């Protein structure tokens, strides 16, 4: 599977800042269909669907203990 640190789908951009990410896994635990952990860093799955998930994505942004996730409207 391929993965990235920034992805835009369905008008939303999700970004994971690897300078801040500690690999705590809160994002993956809450929304594993979008995030995965590899080598202690969160990645955005390339097969992730964002449609209808704005509230869930915003929740992962808020829940990240290191403020490493950013969700914006594209």
Protein backbone atom coordinates (compact mmCIF):
# COMPACT_ATOMS: atom_id res chain seq x y z
CA UNK A 1 0.00 0.00 0.00
CA UNK A 2 1.19 3.49 -0.74
CA UNK A 3 0.74 6.35 1.72
CA UNK A 4 1.46 10.03 2.03
CA UNK A 5 1.72 12.88 4.51
CA UNK A 6 -0.72 15.09 2.61
CA UNK A 7 -3.75 14.19 0.57
CA UNK A 8 -6.66 16.08 -0.97
CA UNK A 9 -9.89 14.19 -1.62
CA UNK A 10 -13.49 15.34 -1.99
CA UNK A 11 -12.57 18.96 -1.33
CA UNK A 12 -10.70 18.27 1.90
CA UNK A 13 -6.96 18.34 2.49
CA UNK A 14 -5.52 16.28 5.33
CA UNK A 15 -1.89 16.79 6.32
CA UNK A 16 0.33 15.02 8.86
CA UNK A 17 3.42 16.98 9.92
CA UNK A 18 6.16 14.43 10.56
CA UNK A 19 8.21 17.06 12.38
CA UNK A 20 5.51 17.01 15.09
CA UNK A 21 4.11 13.46 14.87
CA UNK A 22 5.29 11.18 17.68
CA UNK A 23 3.44 8.08 16.50
CA UNK A 24 1.07 8.02 19.48
CA UNK A 25 -1.53 6.39 17.22
CA UNK A 26 -4.57 8.33 18.42
CA UNK A 27 -5.53 9.12 14.81
CA UNK A 28 -5.21 5.48 13.73
CA UNK A 29 -7.14 4.25 16.76
CA UNK A 30 -10.01 6.65 16.02
CA UNK A 31 -10.00 6.50 12.21
CA UNK A 32 -7.97 3.55 10.98
CA UNK A 33 -9.61 3.73 7.56
CA UNK A 34 -7.70 6.98 6.96
CA UNK A 35 -4.49 6.73 9.03
CA UNK A 36 -1.89 4.04 9.59
CA UNK A 37 1.32 3.97 11.62
CA UNK A 38 4.62 3.06 10.01
CA UNK A 39 7.93 3.41 11.82
CA UNK A 40 6.40 5.54 14.59
CA UNK A 41 4.76 8.05 12.26
CA UNK A 42 1.18 8.48 11.09
CA UNK A 43 0.53 8.28 7.37
CA UNK A 44 -2.58 8.94 5.32
CA UNK A 45 -3.70 5.85 3.47
CA UNK A 46 -3.91 6.40 -0.29
CA UNK A 47 -7.12 4.38 -0.41
CA UNK A 48 -8.79 6.56 2.24
CA UNK A 49 -12.17 8.11 1.46
CA UNK A 50 -12.90 11.52 2.98
CA UNK A 51 -16.46 11.99 1.72
CA UNK A 52 -18.88 12.37 4.62
CA UNK A 53 -16.06 12.19 7.18
CA UNK A 54 -15.36 15.86 7.87
CA UNK A 55 -16.46 15.58 11.52
CA UNK A 56 -14.33 12.44 12.05
CA UNK A 57 -11.31 14.05 10.39
CA UNK A 58 -11.73 17.21 12.49
CA UNK A 59 -11.91 15.00 15.59
CA UNK A 60 -8.55 13.41 14.76
CA UNK A 61 -7.05 16.87 14.27
CA UNK A 62 -8.30 17.91 17.71
CA UNK A 63 -7.37 14.61 19.39
CA UNK A 64 -3.75 14.51 18.17
CA UNK A 65 -1.61 15.12 21.29
CA UNK A 66 1.18 16.69 19.20
CA UNK A 67 -1.02 18.87 16.94
CA UNK A 68 0.48 17.12 13.92
CA UNK A 69 -2.75 16.80 11.90
CA UNK A 70 -4.31 19.60 9.87
CA UNK A 71 -7.65 19.34 8.07
CA UNK A 72 -8.63 22.13 5.70
CA UNK A 73 -11.06 22.78 2.89
CA UNK A 74 -9.27 22.54 -0.44
